[in-house]
Amino acid sequence: MEKRFWYVAVVGSASCPPEIEALAYRVGHEIARRQGILICGGRGGVMAAAARGAREGGGGTVGILPGPDRSEANPHLQVALPTGLGDARNAIIACAADVMIAVGGGYGTLSEVALALKKGKPVVTLAFSFPGVPGVMATESPVAAVELALKLVARS
């Protein structure tokens, strides 16, 4: 039987406080432990912390970059895809993932969440800046976020 990986978008701010980075790191590490491939926006903050966690946990990492230059990627990515699309790259992230986990975040993160929901993708949040978004499932810990995300992917 062929091994199937699950693809998890981890989204959040490019600059964030250390406590949000720590949550993102743990989310990335938990994804890797469960054979997930992490997809992110490829830059700093939540994206870099989650990618570092995934790499250190033995998982795969893919960054969908907003600019045309691969050199803007964080160093924890195995695959860095420059798009030149700016914020429009958020649609690629939402479409490529089986499930999305938002850690903290601002309006850019909210746009990614909205795009994922529009595509029918499950969205799980942790320390999300916008509580009460219909269709979004809030969690209290990195482990709970990843476990719920995996259950939601298994159902689809």
Protein backbone atom coordinates (compact mmCIF):
# COMPACT_ATOMS: atom_id res chain seq x y z
CA MET A 1 0.00 0.00 0.00
CA GLU A 2 1.28 3.44 -0.94
CA LYS A 3 2.00 5.77 1.96
CA ARG A 4 -0.14 8.91 1.80
CA PHE A 5 0.99 12.11 3.41
CA TRP A 6 -1.40 14.80 4.54
CA TYR A 7 -0.74 18.42 3.66
CA VAL A 8 -1.23 21.02 6.37
CA ALA A 9 -1.10 24.76 5.81
CA VAL A 10 0.15 26.60 8.86
CA VAL A 11 -0.62 30.29 8.59
CA GLY A 12 0.04 33.30 10.78
CA SER A 13 1.86 36.61 10.95
CA ALA A 14 5.32 37.19 9.51
CA SER A 15 6.23 38.98 12.72
CA CYS A 16 4.81 37.84 16.03
CA PRO A 17 5.68 37.65 19.72
CA PRO A 18 7.84 34.78 21.03
CA GLU A 19 4.87 32.99 22.63
CA ILE A 20 3.12 32.72 19.23
CA GLU A 21 6.36 31.52 17.61
CA ALA A 22 6.63 28.83 20.30
CA LEU A 23 3.07 27.64 19.56
CA ALA A 24 3.82 27.58 15.82
CA TYR A 25 7.03 25.62 16.38
CA ARG A 26 5.16 22.99 18.36
CA VAL A 27 2.41 22.78 15.72
CA GLY A 28 5.05 22.16 13.05
CA HIS A 29 6.75 19.51 15.17
CA GLU A 30 3.43 17.73 15.84
CA ILE A 31 2.59 17.76 12.13
CA ALA A 32 5.92 16.09 11.35
CA ARG A 33 5.38 13.44 14.05
CA ARG A 34 2.14 12.49 12.30
CA GLN A 35 3.62 12.20 8.78
CA GLY A 36 2.37 15.59 7.61
CA ILE A 37 3.84 17.89 5.01
CA LEU A 38 3.81 21.50 6.18
CA ILE A 39 2.84 24.19 3.70
CA CYS A 40 3.32 27.84 4.63
CA GLY A 41 3.95 31.28 3.18
CA GLY A 42 7.68 30.64 3.44
CA ARG A 43 8.83 33.73 5.27
CA GLY A 44 9.35 34.67 8.95
CA GLY A 45 7.37 34.63 12.17
CA VAL A 46 4.78 31.86 12.41
CA MET A 47 5.85 30.46 9.03
CA ALA A 48 9.53 30.10 9.98
CA ALA A 49 8.77 28.76 13.45
CA ALA A 50 6.35 26.12 12.15
CA ALA A 51 8.77 25.11 9.37
CA ARG A 52 11.62 24.81 11.88
CA GLY A 53 9.46 22.62 14.11
CA ALA A 54 8.49 20.41 11.20
CA ARG A 55 12.08 20.03 9.97
CA GLU A 56 13.41 19.30 13.44
CA GLY A 57 10.62 16.75 13.82
CA GLY A 58 11.68 15.01 10.60
CA GLY A 59 8.86 16.32 8.40
CA GLY A 60 8.67 17.94 5.01
CA THR A 61 8.28 21.69 4.45
CA VAL A 62 7.06 23.70 1.48
CA GLY A 63 6.94 27.49 1.25
CA ILE A 64 4.75 29.36 -1.22
CA LEU A 65 6.53 32.71 -1.43
CA PRO A 66 4.79 35.97 -2.33
CA GLY A 67 7.74 37.41 -4.26
CA PRO A 68 9.68 36.31 -7.34
CA ASP A 69 12.90 35.51 -5.46
CA ARG A 70 13.64 32.23 -3.71
CA SER A 71 16.18 34.01 -1.49
CA GLU A 72 13.38 35.51 0.64
CA ALA A 73 12.53 32.03 1.95
CA ASN A 74 13.18 31.09 5.55
CA PRO A 75 16.03 28.58 6.00
CA HIS A 76 13.78 25.77 7.27
CA LEU A 77 12.09 25.02 3.96
CA GLN A 78 12.92 22.01 1.85
CA VAL A 79 11.00 23.43 -1.11
CA ALA A 80 10.65 27.17 -1.71
CA LEU A 81 8.34 28.20 -4.56
CA PRO A 82 8.55 31.88 -5.56
CA THR A 83 5.31 33.06 -7.16
CA GLY A 84 5.54 36.81 -7.70
CA LEU A 85 1.85 36.90 -6.74
CA GLY A 86 2.05 38.88 -3.49
CA ASP A 87 -0.94 38.22 -1.24
CA ALA A 88 -2.63 36.29 -4.06
CA ARG A 89 -0.31 33.41 -3.12
CA ASN A 90 -2.66 32.89 -0.16
CA ALA A 91 -5.08 31.20 -2.56
CA ILE A 92 -2.39 28.70 -3.57
CA ILE A 93 -1.69 27.88 0.07
CA ALA A 94 -5.40 27.36 0.77
CA CYS A 95 -5.89 25.19 -2.32
CA ALA A 96 -2.77 23.05 -1.82
CA ALA A 97 -3.55 22.04 1.75
CA ASP A 98 -5.89 19.33 3.02
CA VAL A 99 -6.45 21.34 6.21
CA MET A 100 -5.33 24.70 7.60
CA ILE A 101 -4.10 25.61 11.07
CA ALA A 102 -4.01 29.34 11.86
CA VAL A 103 -1.73 30.36 14.73
CA GLY A 104 -2.36 33.91 15.88
CA GLY A 105 -2.43 36.18 12.88
CA GLY A 106 -3.69 39.41 11.39
CA TYR A 107 -5.71 40.32 8.32
CA GLY A 108 -3.45 38.36 5.96
CA THR A 109 -4.07 35.25 8.04
CA LEU A 110 -7.78 35.99 8.05
CA SER A 111 -7.72 36.13 4.24
CA GLU A 112 -6.07 32.70 4.13
CA VAL A 113 -8.68 31.32 6.53
CA ALA A 114 -11.49 32.75 4.39
CA LEU A 115 -10.01 31.26 1.21
CA ALA A 116 -9.65 27.83 2.84
CA LEU A 117 -13.24 27.94 4.09
CA LYS A 118 -14.46 29.00 0.64
CA LYS A 119 -12.66 25.96 -0.83
CA GLY A 120 -14.33 23.68 1.73
CA LYS A 121 -11.12 23.01 3.63
CA PRO A 122 -11.28 22.48 7.40
CA VAL A 123 -9.73 25.29 9.46
CA VAL A 124 -8.40 24.87 12.99
CA THR A 125 -7.11 27.79 15.04
CA LEU A 126 -4.80 28.34 17.97
CA ALA A 127 -4.50 31.76 19.66
CA PHE A 128 -6.44 33.12 16.68
CA SER A 129 -6.90 36.89 16.57
CA PHE A 130 -10.44 36.67 15.17
CA PRO A 131 -12.65 34.53 17.44
CA GLY A 132 -16.11 33.56 16.31
CA VAL A 133 -15.47 33.09 12.57
CA PRO A 134 -18.14 30.63 11.38
CA GLY A 135 -16.71 27.29 10.29
CA VAL A 136 -13.47 27.70 12.24
CA MET A 137 -12.67 25.30 15.09
CA ALA A 138 -10.67 26.81 17.95
CA THR A 139 -8.26 24.75 20.04
CA GLU A 140 -6.25 25.39 23.18
CA SER A 141 -2.91 23.70 22.47
CA PRO A 142 -0.64 22.72 19.57
CA VAL A 143 -1.28 19.02 20.18
CA ALA A 144 -5.07 19.57 20.19
CA ALA A 145 -4.85 21.65 16.99
CA VAL A 146 -2.92 18.98 15.09
CA GLU A 147 -5.02 16.10 16.42
CA LEU A 148 -8.23 17.87 15.38
CA ALA A 149 -6.77 18.74 11.98
CA LEU A 150 -5.82 15.10 11.38
CA LYS A 151 -9.30 13.89 12.38
CA LEU A 152 -10.90 16.38 10.02
CA VAL A 153 -8.68 15.27 7.13
CA ALA A 154 -9.45 11.60 7.84
CA ARG A 155 -13.19 12.37 7.54
CA SER A 156 -12.90 14.03 4.15
